[in-house]
PDB file of N, CA and C in Angstrom:
ATOM      1  N   MET A   1       0.812  -1.193   0.000  1.00  0.00           N
ATOM      2  CA  MET A   1       0.000   0.000   0.000  1.00  0.00           C
ATOM      3  C   MET A   1       0.855   1.257   0.000  1.00  0.00           C
ATOM      4  N   ASP A   2       2.036   1.160   0.593  1.00  0.00           N
ATOM      5  CA  ASP A   2       2.926   2.321   0.607  1.00  0.00           C
ATOM      6  C   ASP A   2       3.329   2.734  -0.800  1.00  0.00           C
ATOM      7  N   GLU A   3       3.541   1.739  -1.667  1.00  0.00           N
ATOM      8  CA  GLU A   3       3.935   2.052  -3.044  1.00  0.00           C
ATOM      9  C   GLU A   3       2.807   2.761  -3.781  1.00  0.00           C
ATOM     10  N   ALA A   4       1.585   2.291  -3.599  1.00  0.00           N
ATOM     11  CA  ALA A   4       0.432   2.941  -4.243  1.00  0.00           C
ATOM     12  C   ALA A   4       0.254   4.351  -3.705  1.00  0.00           C
ATOM     13  N   LYS A   5       0.441   4.521  -2.411  1.00  0.00           N
ATOM     14  CA  LYS A   5       0.325   5.848  -1.799  1.00  0.00           C
ATOM     15  C   LYS A   5       1.372   6.799  -2.383  1.00  0.00           C
ATOM     16  N   LYS A   6       2.603   6.307  -2.505  1.00  0.00           N
ATOM     17  CA  LYS A   6       3.677   7.124  -3.071  1.00  0.00           C
ATOM     18  C   LYS A   6       3.335   7.536  -4.513  1.00  0.00           C
ATOM     19  N   LEU A   7       2.803   6.598  -5.271  1.00  0.00           N
ATOM     20  CA  LEU A   7       2.451   6.868  -6.661  1.00  0.00           C
ATOM     21  C   LEU A   7       1.354   7.925  -6.756  1.00  0.00           C
ATOM     22  N   VAL A   8       0.301   7.762  -5.977  1.00  0.00           N
ATOM     23  CA  VAL A   8      -0.811   8.708  -6.015  1.00  0.00           C
ATOM     24  C   VAL A   8      -0.368  10.089  -5.541  1.00  0.00           C
ATOM     25  N   GLN A   9       0.469  10.150  -4.511  1.00  0.00           N
ATOM     26  CA  GLN A   9       0.976  11.443  -4.044  1.00  0.00           C
ATOM     27  C   GLN A   9       1.804  12.119  -5.131  1.00  0.00           C
ATOM     28  N   ARG A  10       2.596  11.341  -5.832  1.00  0.00           N
ATOM     29  CA  ARG A  10       3.423  11.908  -6.908  1.00  0.00           C
ATOM     30  C   ARG A  10       2.537  12.444  -8.025  1.00  0.00           C
ATOM     31  N   PHE A  11       1.488  11.686  -8.371  1.00  0.00           N
ATOM     32  CA  PHE A  11       0.554  12.143  -9.399  1.00  0.00           C
ATOM     33  C   PHE A  11      -0.151  13.423  -8.951  1.00  0.00           C
ATOM     34  N   SER A  12      -0.613  13.459  -7.716  1.00  0.00           N
ATOM     35  CA  SER A  12      -1.360  14.630  -7.254  1.00  0.00           C
ATOM     36  C   SER A  12      -0.466  15.857  -7.115  1.00  0.00           C
ATOM     37  N   GLY A  13       0.843  15.658  -6.987  1.00  0.00           N
ATOM     38  CA  GLY A  13       1.754  16.774  -6.829  1.00  0.00           C
ATOM     39  C   GLY A  13       2.362  17.290  -8.119  1.00  0.00           C
ATOM     40  N   SER A  14       2.061  16.626  -9.241  1.00  0.00           N
ATOM     41  CA  SER A  14       2.685  17.039 -10.501  1.00  0.00           C
ATOM     42  C   SER A  14       1.669  17.019 -11.647  1.00  0.00           C
ATOM     43  N   LYS A  15       1.164  18.190 -11.980  1.00  0.00           N
ATOM     44  CA  LYS A  15       0.244  18.276 -13.116  1.00  0.00           C
ATOM     45  C   LYS A  15       0.940  17.896 -14.415  1.00  0.00           C
ATOM     46  N   GLU A  16       2.220  18.242 -14.535  1.00  0.00           N
ATOM     47  CA  GLU A  16       2.973  17.909 -15.745  1.00  0.00           C
ATOM     48  C   GLU A  16       3.059  16.388 -15.925  1.00  0.00           C
ATOM     49  N   LEU A  17       3.397  15.681 -14.848  1.00  0.00           N
ATOM     50  CA  LEU A  17       3.503  14.225 -14.928  1.00  0.00           C
ATOM     51  C   LEU A  17       2.159  13.603 -15.287  1.00  0.00           C
ATOM     52  N   THR A  18       1.091  14.044 -14.648  1.00  0.00           N
ATOM     53  CA  THR A  18      -0.212  13.449 -14.936  1.00  0.00           C
ATOM     54  C   THR A  18      -0.674  13.770 -16.354  1.00  0.00           C
ATOM     55  N   TYR A  19      -0.338  14.949 -16.855  1.00  0.00           N
ATOM     56  CA  TYR A  19      -0.669  15.261 -18.242  1.00  0.00           C
ATOM     57  C   TYR A  19       0.098  14.347 -19.196  1.00  0.00           C
ATOM     58  N   GLN A  20       1.400  14.162 -18.939  1.00  0.00           N
ATOM     59  CA  GLN A  20       2.205  13.281 -19.787  1.00  0.00           C
ATOM     60  C   GLN A  20       1.664  11.856 -19.761  1.00  0.00           C
ATOM     61  N   LEU A  21       1.284  11.405 -18.574  1.00  0.00           N
ATOM     62  CA  LEU A  21       0.739  10.066 -18.420  1.00  0.00           C
ATOM     63  C   LEU A  21      -0.576   9.918 -19.186  1.00  0.00           C
ATOM     64  N   MET A  22      -1.469  10.874 -19.020  1.00  0.00           N
ATOM     65  CA  MET A  22      -2.749  10.839 -19.721  1.00  0.00           C
ATOM     66  C   MET A  22      -2.538  10.869 -21.230  1.00  0.00           C
ATOM     67  N   ASP A  23      -1.652  11.724 -21.696  1.00  0.00           N
ATOM     68  CA  ASP A  23      -1.389  11.851 -23.123  1.00  0.00           C
ATOM     69  C   ASP A  23      -0.847  10.545 -23.699  1.00  0.00           C
ATOM     70  N   ALA A  24       0.117   9.938 -23.009  1.00  0.00           N
ATOM     71  CA  ALA A  24       0.695   8.673 -23.478  1.00  0.00           C
ATOM     72  C   ALA A  24      -0.362   7.565 -23.475  1.00  0.00           C
ATOM     73  N   ALA A  25      -1.168   7.508 -22.431  1.00  0.00           N
ATOM     74  CA  ALA A  25      -2.205   6.477 -22.348  1.00  0.00           C
ATOM     75  C   ALA A  25      -3.241   6.651 -23.458  1.00  0.00           C
ATOM     76  N   GLN A  26      -3.649   7.877 -23.705  1.00  0.00           N
ATOM     77  CA  GLN A  26      -4.656   8.116 -24.731  1.00  0.00           C
ATOM     78  C   GLN A  26      -4.121   7.818 -26.131  1.00  0.00           C
ATOM     79  N   GLN A  27      -2.796   7.773 -26.271  1.00  0.00           N
ATOM     80  CA  GLN A  27      -2.184   7.414 -27.553  1.00  0.00           C
ATOM     81  C   GLN A  27      -1.759   5.943 -27.578  1.00  0.00           C
ATOM     82  N   SER A  28      -2.153   5.182 -26.549  1.00  0.00           N
ATOM     83  CA  SER A  28      -1.841   3.747 -26.424  1.00  0.00           C
ATOM     84  C   SER A  28      -0.341   3.460 -26.411  1.00  0.00           C
ATOM     85  N   LYS A  29       0.427   4.348 -25.803  1.00  0.00           N
ATOM     86  CA  LYS A  29       1.883   4.171 -25.698  1.00  0.00           C
ATOM     87  C   LYS A  29       2.205   3.478 -24.372  1.00  0.00           C
ATOM     88  N   THR A  30       2.024   2.168 -24.359  1.00  0.00           N
ATOM     89  CA  THR A  30       2.153   1.374 -23.139  1.00  0.00           C
ATOM     90  C   THR A  30       3.515   1.525 -22.481  1.00  0.00           C
ATOM     91  N   GLU A  31       4.578   1.404 -23.238  1.00  0.00           N
ATOM     92  CA  GLU A  31       5.922   1.481 -22.653  1.00  0.00           C
ATOM     93  C   GLU A  31       6.201   2.863 -22.068  1.00  0.00           C
ATOM     94  N   GLU A  32       5.704   3.894 -22.716  1.00  0.00           N
ATOM     95  CA  GLU A  32       5.890   5.249 -22.185  1.00  0.00           C
ATOM     96  C   GLU A  32       5.113   5.429 -20.870  1.00  0.00           C
ATOM     97  N   VAL A  33       3.907   4.873 -20.806  1.00  0.00           N
ATOM     98  CA  VAL A  33       3.120   4.931 -19.573  1.00  0.00           C
ATOM     99  C   VAL A  33       3.882   4.236 -18.446  1.00  0.00           C
ATOM    100  N   LYS A  34       4.400   3.036 -18.712  1.00  0.00           N
ATOM    101  CA  LYS A  34       5.148   2.295 -17.695  1.00  0.00           C
ATOM    102  C   LYS A  34       6.400   3.054 -17.260  1.00  0.00           C
ATOM    103  N   GLN A  35       7.079   3.686 -18.207  1.00  0.00           N
ATOM    104  CA  GLN A  35       8.286   4.454 -17.877  1.00  0.00           C
ATOM    105  C   GLN A  35       7.930   5.660 -17.002  1.00  0.00           C
ATOM    106  N   LEU A  36       6.862   6.336 -17.313  1.00  0.00           N
ATOM    107  CA  LEU A  36       6.440   7.476 -16.500  1.00  0.00           C
ATOM    108  C   LEU A  36       6.087   7.023 -15.082  1.00  0.00           C
ATOM    109  N   ILE A  37       5.477   5.871 -14.958  1.00  0.00           N
ATOM    110  CA  ILE A  37       5.161   5.336 -13.634  1.00  0.00           C
ATOM    111  C   ILE A  37       6.446   5.026 -12.873  1.00  0.00           C
ATOM    112  N   ARG A  38       7.445   4.475 -13.558  1.00  0.00           N
ATOM    113  CA  ARG A  38       8.724   4.176 -12.907  1.00  0.00           C
ATOM    114  C   ARG A  38       9.418   5.441 -12.412  1.00  0.00           C
ATOM    115  N   THR A  39       9.205   6.569 -13.066  1.00  0.00           N
ATOM    116  CA  THR A  39       9.862   7.813 -12.644  1.00  0.00           C
ATOM    117  C   THR A  39       9.334   8.328 -11.310  1.00  0.00           C
ATOM    118  N   THR A  40       8.240   7.757 -10.825  1.00  0.00           N
ATOM    119  CA  THR A  40       7.673   8.204  -9.552  1.00  0.00           C
ATOM    120  C   THR A  40       8.483   7.712  -8.365  1.00  0.00           C
ATOM    121  N   GLY A  41       9.370   6.753  -8.582  1.00  0.00           N
ATOM    122  CA  GLY A  41      10.199   6.243  -7.502  1.00  0.00           C
ATOM    123  C   GLY A  41       9.660   5.001  -6.822  1.00  0.00           C
ATOM    124  N   ILE A  42       8.554   4.457  -7.311  1.00  0.00           N
ATOM    125  CA  ILE A  42       8.044   3.244  -6.685  1.00  0.00           C
ATOM    126  C   ILE A  42       8.950   2.071  -7.056  1.00  0.00           C
ATOM    127  N   THR A  43       9.005   1.093  -6.177  1.00  0.00           N
ATOM    128  CA  THR A  43       9.886  -0.059  -6.411  1.00  0.00           C
ATOM    129  C   THR A  43       9.126  -1.272  -6.911  1.00  0.00           C
ATOM    130  N   ILE A  44       7.810  -1.238  -6.828  1.00  0.00           N
ATOM    131  CA  ILE A  44       6.981  -2.338  -7.336  1.00  0.00           C
ATOM    132  C   ILE A  44       6.280  -1.838  -8.590  1.00  0.00           C
ATOM    133  N   GLN A  45       6.466  -2.540  -9.695  1.00  0.00           N
ATOM    134  CA  GLN A  45       5.797  -2.150 -10.936  1.00  0.00           C
ATOM    135  C   GLN A  45       4.404  -2.778 -10.955  1.00  0.00           C
ATOM    136  N   PRO A  46       3.360  -1.968 -10.916  1.00  0.00           N
ATOM    137  CA  PRO A  46       2.006  -2.528 -10.957  1.00  0.00           C
ATOM    138  C   PRO A  46       1.657  -3.006 -12.357  1.00  0.00           C
ATOM    139  N   GLU A  47       0.650  -3.867 -12.425  1.00  0.00           N
ATOM    140  CA  GLU A  47       0.078  -4.217 -13.723  1.00  0.00           C
ATOM    141  C   GLU A  47      -0.666  -2.980 -14.200  1.00  0.00           C
ATOM    142  N   VAL A  48      -0.426  -2.586 -15.433  1.00  0.00           N
ATOM    143  CA  VAL A  48      -0.976  -1.330 -15.947  1.00  0.00           C
ATOM    144  C   VAL A  48      -1.951  -1.616 -17.091  1.00  0.00           C
ATOM    145  N   ARG A  49      -3.135  -1.067 -16.965  1.00  0.00           N
ATOM    146  CA  ARG A  49      -4.102  -1.071 -18.063  1.00  0.00           C
ATOM    147  C   ARG A  49      -4.668   0.339 -18.145  1.00  0.00           C
ATOM    148  N   PHE A  50      -5.037   0.753 -19.326  1.00  0.00           N
ATOM    149  CA  PHE A  50      -5.610   2.087 -19.457  1.00  0.00           C
ATOM    150  C   PHE A  50      -6.595   2.120 -20.603  1.00  0.00           C
ATOM    151  N   THR A  51      -7.448   3.110 -20.531  1.00  0.00           N
ATOM    152  CA  THR A  51      -8.424   3.381 -21.578  1.00  0.00           C
ATOM    153  C   THR A  51      -8.325   4.876 -21.871  1.00  0.00           C
ATOM    154  N   PRO A  52      -9.019   5.355 -22.860  1.00  0.00           N
ATOM    155  CA  PRO A  52      -9.030   6.802 -23.073  1.00  0.00           C
ATOM    156  C   PRO A  52      -9.600   7.566 -21.879  1.00  0.00           C
ATOM    157  N   ASP A  53     -10.345   6.872 -21.004  1.00  0.00           N
ATOM    158  CA  ASP A  53     -10.979   7.526 -19.853  1.00  0.00           C
ATOM    159  C   ASP A  53     -10.174   7.484 -18.570  1.00  0.00           C
ATOM    160  N   GLY A  54      -9.203   6.570 -18.460  1.00  0.00           N
ATOM    161  CA  GLY A  54      -8.490   6.489 -17.192  1.00  0.00           C
ATOM    162  C   GLY A  54      -7.421   5.416 -17.147  1.00  0.00           C
ATOM    163  N   LEU A  55      -6.890   5.229 -15.960  1.00  0.00           N
ATOM    164  CA  LEU A  55      -5.759   4.348 -15.702  1.00  0.00           C
ATOM    165  C   LEU A  55      -6.161   3.338 -14.637  1.00  0.00           C
ATOM    166  N   HIS A  56      -5.801   2.079 -14.830  1.00  0.00           N
ATOM    167  CA  HIS A  56      -6.124   1.001 -13.909  1.00  0.00           C
ATOM    168  C   HIS A  56      -4.810   0.330 -13.520  1.00  0.00           C
ATOM    169  N   LEU A  57      -4.446   0.424 -12.237  1.00  0.00           N
ATOM    170  CA  LEU A  57      -3.189  -0.144 -11.749  1.00  0.00           C
ATOM    171  C   LEU A  57      -3.491  -1.207 -10.708  1.00  0.00           C
ATOM    172  N   THR A  58      -2.851  -2.365 -10.842  1.00  0.00           N
ATOM    173  CA  THR A  58      -3.027  -3.439  -9.866  1.00  0.00           C
ATOM    174  C   THR A  58      -1.680  -3.728  -9.233  1.00  0.00           C
ATOM    175  N   PHE A  59      -1.605  -3.520  -7.933  1.00  0.00           N
ATOM    176  CA  PHE A  59      -0.409  -3.839  -7.156  1.00  0.00           C
ATOM    177  C   PHE A  59      -0.625  -5.206  -6.521  1.00  0.00           C
ATOM    178  N   GLU A  60       0.376  -6.089  -6.641  1.00  0.00           N
ATOM    179  CA  GLU A  60       0.286  -7.430  -6.060  1.00  0.00           C
ATOM    180  C   GLU A  60       1.455  -7.674  -5.134  1.00  0.00           C
ATOM    181  N   ASP A  61       1.198  -8.447  -4.084  1.00  0.00           N
ATOM    182  CA  ASP A  61       2.263  -8.860  -3.167  1.00  0.00           C
ATOM    183  C   ASP A  61       2.910 -10.112  -3.745  1.00  0.00           C
ATOM    184  N   ARG A  62       4.010  -9.939  -4.432  1.00  0.00           N
ATOM    185  CA  ARG A  62       4.678 -11.067  -5.076  1.00  0.00           C
ATOM    186  C   ARG A  62       5.690 -11.745  -4.153  1.00  0.00           C
ATOM    187  N   SER A  63       5.859 -11.208  -2.950  1.00  0.00           N
ATOM    188  CA  SER A  63       6.786 -11.824  -2.008  1.00  0.00           C
ATOM    189  C   SER A  63       6.178 -13.073  -1.382  1.00  0.00           C
ATOM    190  N   SER A  64       4.884 -13.205  -1.480  1.00  0.00           N
ATOM    191  CA  SER A  64       4.189 -14.358  -0.914  1.00  0.00           C
ATOM    192  C   SER A  64       3.969 -15.404  -2.004  1.00  0.00           C
ATOM    193  N   GLN A  65       4.018 -16.670  -1.634  1.00  0.00           N
ATOM    194  CA  GLN A  65       3.816 -17.722  -2.625  1.00  0.00           C
ATOM    195  C   GLN A  65       2.344 -17.933  -2.951  1.00  0.00           C
ATOM    196  N   ASN A  66       1.475 -17.514  -2.063  1.00  0.00           N
ATOM    197  CA  ASN A  66       0.054 -17.631  -2.381  1.00  0.00           C
ATOM    198  C   ASN A  66      -0.459 -16.293  -2.900  1.00  0.00           C
ATOM    199  N   ASP A  67      -1.527 -16.369  -3.618  1.00  0.00           N
ATOM    200  CA  ASP A  67      -2.110 -15.195  -4.259  1.00  0.00           C
ATOM    201  C   ASP A  67      -3.048 -14.513  -3.273  1.00  0.00           C
ATOM    202  N   CYS A  68      -2.476 -13.744  -2.333  1.00  0.00           N
ATOM    203  CA  CYS A  68      -3.302 -13.253  -1.225  1.00  0.00           C
ATOM    204  C   CYS A  68      -3.679 -11.787  -1.310  1.00  0.00           C
ATOM    205  N   CYS A  69      -2.842 -10.954  -1.882  1.00  0.00           N
ATOM    206  CA  CYS A  69      -3.057  -9.517  -1.701  1.00  0.00           C
ATOM    207  C   CYS A  69      -2.958  -8.753  -3.015  1.00  0.00           C
ATOM    208  N   HIS A  70      -3.999  -7.989  -3.302  1.00  0.00           N
ATOM    209  CA  HIS A  70      -4.024  -7.112  -4.472  1.00  0.00           C
ATOM    210  C   HIS A  70      -4.578  -5.766  -4.028  1.00  0.00           C
ATOM    211  N   LEU A  71      -4.029  -4.724  -4.600  1.00  0.00           N
ATOM    212  CA  LEU A  71      -4.576  -3.389  -4.398  1.00  0.00           C
ATOM    213  C   LEU A  71      -4.795  -2.800  -5.784  1.00  0.00           C
ATOM    214  N   VAL A  72      -6.012  -2.396  -6.054  1.00  0.00           N
ATOM    215  CA  VAL A  72      -6.355  -1.847  -7.362  1.00  0.00           C
ATOM    216  C   VAL A  72      -6.594  -0.349  -7.213  1.00  0.00           C
ATOM    217  N   VAL A  73      -5.941   0.423  -8.079  1.00  0.00           N
ATOM    218  CA  VAL A  73      -6.116   1.872  -8.102  1.00  0.00           C
ATOM    219  C   VAL A  73      -6.661   2.244  -9.474  1.00  0.00           C
ATOM    220  N   ASN A  74      -7.806   2.889  -9.474  1.00  0.00           N
ATOM    221  CA  ASN A  74      -8.413   3.372 -10.715  1.00  0.00           C
ATOM    222  C   ASN A  74      -8.394   4.893 -10.703  1.00  0.00           C
ATOM    223  N   LEU A  75      -7.802   5.479 -11.718  1.00  0.00           N
ATOM    224  CA  LEU A  75      -7.745   6.928 -11.837  1.00  0.00           C
ATOM    225  C   LEU A  75      -8.437   7.331 -13.133  1.00  0.00           C
ATOM    226  N   ARG A  76      -9.349   8.275 -13.012  1.00  0.00           N
ATOM    227  CA  ARG A  76     -10.052   8.776 -14.205  1.00  0.00           C
ATOM    228  C   ARG A  76      -9.466  10.122 -14.593  1.00  0.00           C
ATOM    229  N   TRP A  77      -9.332  10.339 -15.869  1.00  0.00           N
ATOM    230  CA  TRP A  77      -8.866  11.645 -16.340  1.00  0.00           C
ATOM    231  C   TRP A  77      -9.974  12.649 -16.121  1.00  0.00           C
ATOM    232  N   SER A  78      -9.604  13.862 -15.776  1.00  0.00           N
ATOM    233  CA  SER A  78     -10.640  14.888 -15.602  1.00  0.00           C
ATOM    234  C   SER A  78     -10.534  15.944 -16.674  1.00  0.00           C
TER     235      SER A  78
END
């Protein structure tokens, strides 16, 4: 959850970053979206899906051998 919190705080603190992210997602530039997410400083790369309307990130606890924990963050463009 700390990684998701860090990501959301970074997005909320940078209009430039969120604009770049939205622009790349709306152009279906998957690798650019992932790279922009990596620039936030998070150490866990979430599963990334996006639509023209928003961003869907799934954080998973991969340190555990069982499939126990997921955190899903949905962000809509405004």
